[in-house]
Amino acid sequence: MVQCADETLYTGIATELERRIEEHNSSEKGAKYTRVRRPVKLVYCETYPDRSSASKREYEIKKKMSRAEKLKLMIKP
C-alpha cells in the first residue's frame, strides 16, 4: 500500500516491490491513479507465496476495508 502526495492510499500487488514503487513515482507504467498524485511512498506491505493469494488479499484491502482499517494496518509493528 502506498500513500500518495495528497495522502490518499493506493493498494496493488507487485512481484518486485522496489521496481514498482519507482514506476509509480517516475514512469508512465505507474497506475493512472498514482501518476497524478506523485510522489508516493510505501507505507505497508505483505508477502504471499503466489499471485492468486496476493490478489485475494489485495481485493480484501481494496474493497472490504475502510480507510480507518487501512491506517491501522500501517501502524502495526
PDB file of N, CA and C in Angstrom:
ATOM      1  N   MET A   1       0.856  -1.160   0.000  1.00  0.00           N
ATOM      2  CA  MET A   1       0.000   0.000   0.000  1.00  0.00           C
ATOM      3  C   MET A   1       0.907   1.229   0.000  1.00  0.00           C
ATOM      4  N   VAL A   2       0.601   2.168  -0.841  1.00  0.00           N
ATOM      5  CA  VAL A   2       1.367   3.410  -0.887  1.00  0.00           C
ATOM      6  C   VAL A   2       0.477   4.572  -0.495  1.00  0.00           C
ATOM      7  N   GLN A   3       1.117   5.589   0.037  1.00  0.00           N
ATOM      8  CA  GLN A   3       0.415   6.833   0.344  1.00  0.00           C
ATOM      9  C   GLN A   3       0.864   7.853  -0.688  1.00  0.00           C
ATOM     10  N   CYS A   4      -0.108   8.470  -1.329  1.00  0.00           N
ATOM     11  CA  CYS A   4       0.171   9.455  -2.370  1.00  0.00           C
ATOM     12  C   CYS A   4       0.423  10.828  -1.751  1.00  0.00           C
ATOM     13  N   ALA A   5       0.899  11.740  -2.560  1.00  0.00           N
ATOM     14  CA  ALA A   5       1.198  13.094  -2.092  1.00  0.00           C
ATOM     15  C   ALA A   5      -0.024  13.780  -1.500  1.00  0.00           C
ATOM     16  N   ASP A   6      -1.210  13.437  -1.987  1.00  0.00           N
ATOM     17  CA  ASP A   6      -2.437  14.041  -1.450  1.00  0.00           C
ATOM     18  C   ASP A   6      -2.993  13.259  -0.256  1.00  0.00           C
ATOM     19  N   GLU A   7      -2.195  12.319   0.257  1.00  0.00           N
ATOM     20  CA  GLU A   7      -2.495  11.488   1.425  1.00  0.00           C
ATOM     21  C   GLU A   7      -3.562  10.433   1.187  1.00  0.00           C
ATOM     22  N   THR A   8      -3.948  10.212  -0.072  1.00  0.00           N
ATOM     23  CA  THR A   8      -4.826   9.084  -0.371  1.00  0.00           C
ATOM     24  C   THR A   8      -3.982   7.813  -0.371  1.00  0.00           C
ATOM     25  N   LEU A   9      -4.653   6.676  -0.282  1.00  0.00           N
ATOM     26  CA  LEU A   9      -3.968   5.395  -0.248  1.00  0.00           C
ATOM     27  C   LEU A   9      -4.262   4.622  -1.527  1.00  0.00           C
ATOM     28  N   TYR A  10      -3.253   3.918  -2.026  1.00  0.00           N
ATOM     29  CA  TYR A  10      -3.403   3.087  -3.215  1.00  0.00           C
ATOM     30  C   TYR A  10      -2.876   1.694  -2.870  1.00  0.00           C
ATOM     31  N   THR A  11      -3.645   0.681  -3.190  1.00  0.00           N
ATOM     32  CA  THR A  11      -3.263  -0.699  -2.916  1.00  0.00           C
ATOM     33  C   THR A  11      -3.102  -1.457  -4.220  1.00  0.00           C
ATOM     34  N   GLY A  12      -2.036  -2.228  -4.318  1.00  0.00           N
ATOM     35  CA  GLY A  12      -1.798  -3.039  -5.505  1.00  0.00           C
ATOM     36  C   GLY A  12      -0.890  -4.203  -5.171  1.00  0.00           C
ATOM     37  N   ILE A  13      -0.598  -5.017  -6.175  1.00  0.00           N
ATOM     38  CA  ILE A  13       0.333  -6.121  -5.979  1.00  0.00           C
ATOM     39  C   ILE A  13       1.499  -5.980  -6.939  1.00  0.00           C
ATOM     40  N   ALA A  14       2.638  -6.542  -6.561  1.00  0.00           N
ATOM     41  CA  ALA A  14       3.842  -6.454  -7.385  1.00  0.00           C
ATOM     42  C   ALA A  14       4.746  -7.633  -7.104  1.00  0.00           C
ATOM     43  N   THR A  15       5.486  -8.052  -8.115  1.00  0.00           N
ATOM     44  CA  THR A  15       6.473  -9.109  -7.914  1.00  0.00           C
ATOM     45  C   THR A  15       7.806  -8.529  -7.447  1.00  0.00           C
ATOM     46  N   GLU A  16       8.094  -7.304  -7.863  1.00  0.00           N
ATOM     47  CA  GLU A  16       9.323  -6.613  -7.455  1.00  0.00           C
ATOM     48  C   GLU A  16       8.925  -5.259  -6.866  1.00  0.00           C
ATOM     49  N   LEU A  17       8.868  -5.192  -5.556  1.00  0.00           N
ATOM     50  CA  LEU A  17       8.333  -4.025  -4.862  1.00  0.00           C
ATOM     51  C   LEU A  17       9.095  -2.735  -5.172  1.00  0.00           C
ATOM     52  N   GLU A  18      10.412  -2.762  -5.078  1.00  0.00           N
ATOM     53  CA  GLU A  18      11.193  -1.537  -5.323  1.00  0.00           C
ATOM     54  C   GLU A  18      10.986  -1.010  -6.739  1.00  0.00           C
ATOM     55  N   ARG A  19      10.971  -1.908  -7.709  1.00  0.00           N
ATOM     56  CA  ARG A  19      10.756  -1.504  -9.103  1.00  0.00           C
ATOM     57  C   ARG A  19       9.375  -0.868  -9.256  1.00  0.00           C
ATOM     58  N   ARG A  20       8.379  -1.468  -8.621  1.00  0.00           N
ATOM     59  CA  ARG A  20       7.012  -0.958  -8.756  1.00  0.00           C
ATOM     60  C   ARG A  20       6.855   0.423  -8.132  1.00  0.00           C
ATOM     61  N   ILE A  21       7.473   0.642  -6.977  1.00  0.00           N
ATOM     62  CA  ILE A  21       7.421   1.974  -6.357  1.00  0.00           C
ATOM     63  C   ILE A  21       8.071   2.999  -7.284  1.00  0.00           C
ATOM     64  N   GLU A  22       9.201   2.622  -7.871  1.00  0.00           N
ATOM     65  CA  GLU A  22       9.888   3.509  -8.818  1.00  0.00           C
ATOM     66  C   GLU A  22       8.989   3.823 -10.017  1.00  0.00           C
ATOM     67  N   GLU A  23       8.273   2.822 -10.513  1.00  0.00           N
ATOM     68  CA  GLU A  23       7.346   3.055 -11.632  1.00  0.00           C
ATOM     69  C   GLU A  23       6.236   4.020 -11.231  1.00  0.00           C
ATOM     70  N   HIS A  24       5.710   3.842 -10.045  1.00  0.00           N
ATOM     71  CA  HIS A  24       4.652   4.755  -9.584  1.00  0.00           C
ATOM     72  C   HIS A  24       5.161   6.191  -9.502  1.00  0.00           C
ATOM     73  N   ASN A  25       6.421   6.356  -9.149  1.00  0.00           N
ATOM     74  CA  ASN A  25       6.969   7.698  -8.948  1.00  0.00           C
ATOM     75  C   ASN A  25       7.541   8.363 -10.186  1.00  0.00           C
ATOM     76  N   SER A  26       7.987   7.592 -11.173  1.00  0.00           N
ATOM     77  CA  SER A  26       8.687   8.268 -12.264  1.00  0.00           C
ATOM     78  C   SER A  26       8.481   7.669 -13.644  1.00  0.00           C
ATOM     79  N   SER A  27       7.519   6.803 -13.805  1.00  0.00           N
ATOM     80  CA  SER A  27       7.351   6.151 -15.091  1.00  0.00           C
ATOM     81  C   SER A  27       5.896   6.241 -15.546  1.00  0.00           C
ATOM     82  N   GLU A  28       5.700   6.118 -16.837  1.00  0.00           N
ATOM     83  CA  GLU A  28       4.341   6.051 -17.369  1.00  0.00           C
ATOM     84  C   GLU A  28       3.698   4.702 -17.055  1.00  0.00           C
ATOM     85  N   LYS A  29       4.481   3.762 -16.533  1.00  0.00           N
ATOM     86  CA  LYS A  29       3.953   2.450 -16.159  1.00  0.00           C
ATOM     87  C   LYS A  29       3.260   2.484 -14.803  1.00  0.00           C
ATOM     88  N   GLY A  30       3.400   3.596 -14.094  1.00  0.00           N
ATOM     89  CA  GLY A  30       2.707   3.736 -12.822  1.00  0.00           C
ATOM     90  C   GLY A  30       1.208   3.740 -13.050  1.00  0.00           C
ATOM     91  N   ALA A  31       0.452   3.359 -12.051  1.00  0.00           N
ATOM     92  CA  ALA A  31      -1.006   3.341 -12.182  1.00  0.00           C
ATOM     93  C   ALA A  31      -1.525   4.734 -12.520  1.00  0.00           C
ATOM     94  N   LYS A  32      -2.570   4.784 -13.299  1.00  0.00           N
ATOM     95  CA  LYS A  32      -3.171   6.066 -13.683  1.00  0.00           C
ATOM     96  C   LYS A  32      -3.518   6.884 -12.431  1.00  0.00           C
ATOM     97  N   TYR A  33      -4.014   6.197 -11.404  1.00  0.00           N
ATOM     98  CA  TYR A  33      -4.379   6.873 -10.156  1.00  0.00           C
ATOM     99  C   TYR A  33      -3.177   7.563  -9.517  1.00  0.00           C
ATOM    100  N   THR A  34      -2.038   6.878  -9.478  1.00  0.00           N
ATOM    101  CA  THR A  34      -0.871   7.450  -8.780  1.00  0.00           C
ATOM    102  C   THR A  34      -0.092   8.448  -9.634  1.00  0.00           C
ATOM    103  N   ARG A  35      -0.212   8.360 -10.950  1.00  0.00           N
ATOM    104  CA  ARG A  35       0.561   9.266 -11.818  1.00  0.00           C
ATOM    105  C   ARG A  35       0.286  10.734 -11.542  1.00  0.00           C
ATOM    106  N   VAL A  36      -0.927  11.063 -11.170  1.00  0.00           N
ATOM    107  CA  VAL A  36      -1.274  12.463 -10.904  1.00  0.00           C
ATOM    108  C   VAL A  36      -1.173  12.812  -9.420  1.00  0.00           C
ATOM    109  N   ARG A  37      -0.707  11.857  -8.609  1.00  0.00           N
ATOM    110  CA  ARG A  37      -0.617  12.070  -7.160  1.00  0.00           C
ATOM    111  C   ARG A  37       0.787  11.786  -6.631  1.00  0.00           C
ATOM    112  N   ARG A  38       1.775  12.022  -7.466  1.00  0.00           N
ATOM    113  CA  ARG A  38       3.164  11.761  -7.088  1.00  0.00           C
ATOM    114  C   ARG A  38       3.693  12.817  -6.154  1.00  0.00           C
ATOM    115  N   PRO A  39       4.668  12.512  -5.339  1.00  0.00           N
ATOM    116  CA  PRO A  39       5.301  11.198  -5.174  1.00  0.00           C
ATOM    117  C   PRO A  39       4.486  10.301  -4.258  1.00  0.00           C
ATOM    118  N   VAL A  40       4.739   8.999  -4.383  1.00  0.00           N
ATOM    119  CA  VAL A  40       4.116   8.034  -3.480  1.00  0.00           C
ATOM    120  C   VAL A  40       5.200   7.456  -2.587  1.00  0.00           C
ATOM    121  N   LYS A  41       4.789   6.998  -1.402  1.00  0.00           N
ATOM    122  CA  LYS A  41       5.742   6.323  -0.523  1.00  0.00           C
ATOM    123  C   LYS A  41       5.106   5.046   0.007  1.00  0.00           C
ATOM    124  N   LEU A  42       5.918   4.031   0.122  1.00  0.00           N
ATOM    125  CA  LEU A  42       5.447   2.752   0.627  1.00  0.00           C
ATOM    126  C   LEU A  42       5.129   2.893   2.105  1.00  0.00           C
ATOM    127  N   VAL A  43       3.919   2.481   2.500  1.00  0.00           N
ATOM    128  CA  VAL A  43       3.534   2.582   3.906  1.00  0.00           C
ATOM    129  C   VAL A  43       3.175   1.230   4.510  1.00  0.00           C
ATOM    130  N   TYR A  44       2.955   0.203   3.660  1.00  0.00           N
ATOM    131  CA  TYR A  44       2.596  -1.111   4.188  1.00  0.00           C
ATOM    132  C   TYR A  44       2.778  -2.163   3.104  1.00  0.00           C
ATOM    133  N   CYS A  45       3.278  -3.324   3.492  1.00  0.00           N
ATOM    134  CA  CYS A  45       3.354  -4.431   2.536  1.00  0.00           C
ATOM    135  C   CYS A  45       3.218  -5.767   3.251  1.00  0.00           C
ATOM    136  N   GLU A  46       2.774  -6.748   2.508  1.00  0.00           N
ATOM    137  CA  GLU A  46       2.665  -8.128   2.963  1.00  0.00           C
ATOM    138  C   GLU A  46       3.254  -9.004   1.862  1.00  0.00           C
ATOM    139  N   THR A  47       3.699 -10.192   2.228  1.00  0.00           N
ATOM    140  CA  THR A  47       4.272 -11.126   1.258  1.00  0.00           C
ATOM    141  C   THR A  47       3.412 -12.377   1.182  1.00  0.00           C
ATOM    142  N   TYR A  48       3.188 -12.843  -0.036  1.00  0.00           N
ATOM    143  CA  TYR A  48       2.398 -14.052  -0.266  1.00  0.00           C
ATOM    144  C   TYR A  48       3.150 -14.981  -1.202  1.00  0.00           C
ATOM    145  N   PRO A  49       2.885 -16.288  -1.097  1.00  0.00           N
ATOM    146  CA  PRO A  49       3.645 -17.269  -1.879  1.00  0.00           C
ATOM    147  C   PRO A  49       3.304 -17.309  -3.367  1.00  0.00           C
ATOM    148  N   ASP A  50       2.128 -16.785  -3.731  1.00  0.00           N
ATOM    149  CA  ASP A  50       1.727 -16.835  -5.138  1.00  0.00           C
ATOM    150  C   ASP A  50       0.803 -15.659  -5.465  1.00  0.00           C
ATOM    151  N   ARG A  51       0.647 -15.420  -6.746  1.00  0.00           N
ATOM    152  CA  ARG A  51      -0.150 -14.289  -7.217  1.00  0.00           C
ATOM    153  C   ARG A  51      -1.623 -14.413  -6.830  1.00  0.00           C
ATOM    154  N   SER A  52      -2.136 -15.621  -6.833  1.00  0.00           N
ATOM    155  CA  SER A  52      -3.541 -15.839  -6.501  1.00  0.00           C
ATOM    156  C   SER A  52      -3.865 -15.382  -5.080  1.00  0.00           C
ATOM    157  N   SER A  53      -3.072 -15.797  -4.118  1.00  0.00           N
ATOM    158  CA  SER A  53      -3.338 -15.388  -2.734  1.00  0.00           C
ATOM    159  C   SER A  53      -3.070 -13.900  -2.539  1.00  0.00           C
ATOM    160  N   ALA A  54      -2.089 -13.358  -3.261  1.00  0.00           N
ATOM    161  CA  ALA A  54      -1.828 -11.915  -3.182  1.00  0.00           C
ATOM    162  C   ALA A  54      -3.015 -11.128  -3.737  1.00  0.00           C
ATOM    163  N   SER A  55      -3.587 -11.601  -4.824  1.00  0.00           N
ATOM    164  CA  SER A  55      -4.745 -10.930  -5.432  1.00  0.00           C
ATOM    165  C   SER A  55      -5.963 -10.972  -4.513  1.00  0.00           C
ATOM    166  N   LYS A  56      -6.152 -12.088  -3.832  1.00  0.00           N
ATOM    167  CA  LYS A  56      -7.280 -12.193  -2.896  1.00  0.00           C
ATOM    168  C   LYS A  56      -7.127 -11.196  -1.752  1.00  0.00           C
ATOM    169  N   ARG A  57      -5.899 -11.070  -1.239  1.00  0.00           N
ATOM    170  CA  ARG A  57      -5.659 -10.126  -0.156  1.00  0.00           C
ATOM    171  C   ARG A  57      -5.804  -8.688  -0.649  1.00  0.00           C
ATOM    172  N   GLU A  58      -5.325  -8.410  -1.845  1.00  0.00           N
ATOM    173  CA  GLU A  58      -5.483  -7.077  -2.430  1.00  0.00           C
ATOM    174  C   GLU A  58      -6.964  -6.716  -2.507  1.00  0.00           C
ATOM    175  N   TYR A  59      -7.787  -7.658  -2.941  1.00  0.00           N
ATOM    176  CA  TYR A  59      -9.223  -7.424  -3.035  1.00  0.00           C
ATOM    177  C   TYR A  59      -9.803  -7.101  -1.658  1.00  0.00           C
ATOM    178  N   GLU A  60      -9.409  -7.870  -0.635  1.00  0.00           N
ATOM    179  CA  GLU A  60      -9.894  -7.608   0.726  1.00  0.00           C
ATOM    180  C   GLU A  60      -9.563  -6.191   1.166  1.00  0.00           C
ATOM    181  N   ILE A  61      -8.326  -5.800   0.942  1.00  0.00           N
ATOM    182  CA  ILE A  61      -7.891  -4.465   1.375  1.00  0.00           C
ATOM    183  C   ILE A  61      -8.618  -3.379   0.582  1.00  0.00           C
ATOM    184  N   LYS A  62      -8.663  -3.531  -0.737  1.00  0.00           N
ATOM    185  CA  LYS A  62      -9.267  -2.501  -1.589  1.00  0.00           C
ATOM    186  C   LYS A  62     -10.766  -2.364  -1.394  1.00  0.00           C
ATOM    187  N   LYS A  63     -11.458  -3.483  -1.345  1.00  0.00           N
ATOM    188  CA  LYS A  63     -12.918  -3.444  -1.413  1.00  0.00           C
ATOM    189  C   LYS A  63     -13.639  -3.631  -0.084  1.00  0.00           C
ATOM    190  N   LYS A  64     -12.974  -4.234   0.878  1.00  0.00           N
ATOM    191  CA  LYS A  64     -13.679  -4.565   2.118  1.00  0.00           C
ATOM    192  C   LYS A  64     -13.204  -3.773   3.329  1.00  0.00           C
ATOM    193  N   MET A  65     -12.105  -3.059   3.197  1.00  0.00           N
ATOM    194  CA  MET A  65     -11.577  -2.318   4.347  1.00  0.00           C
ATOM    195  C   MET A  65     -11.844  -0.822   4.208  1.00  0.00           C
ATOM    196  N   SER A  66     -12.182  -0.216   5.322  1.00  0.00           N
ATOM    197  CA  SER A  66     -12.354   1.235   5.344  1.00  0.00           C
ATOM    198  C   SER A  66     -10.984   1.902   5.402  1.00  0.00           C
ATOM    199  N   ARG A  67     -10.964   3.194   5.174  1.00  0.00           N
ATOM    200  CA  ARG A  67      -9.698   3.931   5.289  1.00  0.00           C
ATOM    201  C   ARG A  67      -9.139   3.788   6.696  1.00  0.00           C
ATOM    202  N   ALA A  68      -9.981   3.855   7.703  1.00  0.00           N
ATOM    203  CA  ALA A  68      -9.512   3.722   9.093  1.00  0.00           C
ATOM    204  C   ALA A  68      -8.855   2.365   9.317  1.00  0.00           C
ATOM    205  N   GLU A  69      -9.429   1.323   8.763  1.00  0.00           N
ATOM    206  CA  GLU A  69      -8.835  -0.009   8.897  1.00  0.00           C
ATOM    207  C   GLU A  69      -7.493  -0.095   8.178  1.00  0.00           C
ATOM    208  N   LYS A  70      -7.394   0.550   7.030  1.00  0.00           N
ATOM    209  CA  LYS A  70      -6.130   0.568   6.289  1.00  0.00           C
ATOM    210  C   LYS A  70      -5.069   1.329   7.079  1.00  0.00           C
ATOM    211  N   LEU A  71      -5.447   2.431   7.694  1.00  0.00           N
ATOM    212  CA  LEU A  71      -4.494   3.204   8.504  1.00  0.00           C
ATOM    213  C   LEU A  71      -3.998   2.383   9.686  1.00  0.00           C
ATOM    214  N   LYS A  72      -4.861   1.556  10.267  1.00  0.00           N
ATOM    215  CA  LYS A  72      -4.438   0.681  11.365  1.00  0.00           C
ATOM    216  C   LYS A  72      -3.405  -0.327  10.896  1.00  0.00           C
ATOM    217  N   LEU A  73      -3.546  -0.829   9.679  1.00  0.00           N
ATOM    218  CA  LEU A  73      -2.539  -1.749   9.123  1.00  0.00           C
ATOM    219  C   LEU A  73      -1.172  -1.078   9.083  1.00  0.00           C
ATOM    220  N   MET A  74      -1.158   0.188   8.699  1.00  0.00           N
ATOM    221  CA  MET A  74       0.096   0.934   8.562  1.00  0.00           C
ATOM    222  C   MET A  74       0.853   1.044   9.866  1.00  0.00           C
ATOM    223  N   ILE A  75       0.184   1.089  10.990  1.00  0.00           N
ATOM    224  CA  ILE A  75       0.873   1.322  12.258  1.00  0.00           C
ATOM    225  C   ILE A  75       1.145   0.042  13.039  1.00  0.00           C
ATOM    226  N   LYS A  76       0.768  -1.107  12.470  1.00  0.00           N
ATOM    227  CA  LYS A  76       1.072  -2.378  13.143  1.00  0.00           C
ATOM    228  C   LYS A  76       2.577  -2.590  13.175  1.00  0.00           C
ATOM    229  N   PRO A  77       3.095  -3.085  14.307  1.00  0.00           N
ATOM    230  CA  PRO A  77       4.546  -3.343  14.392  1.00  0.00           C
ATOM    231  C   PRO A  77       4.982  -4.501  13.520  1.00  0.00           C
TER     232      PRO A  77
END
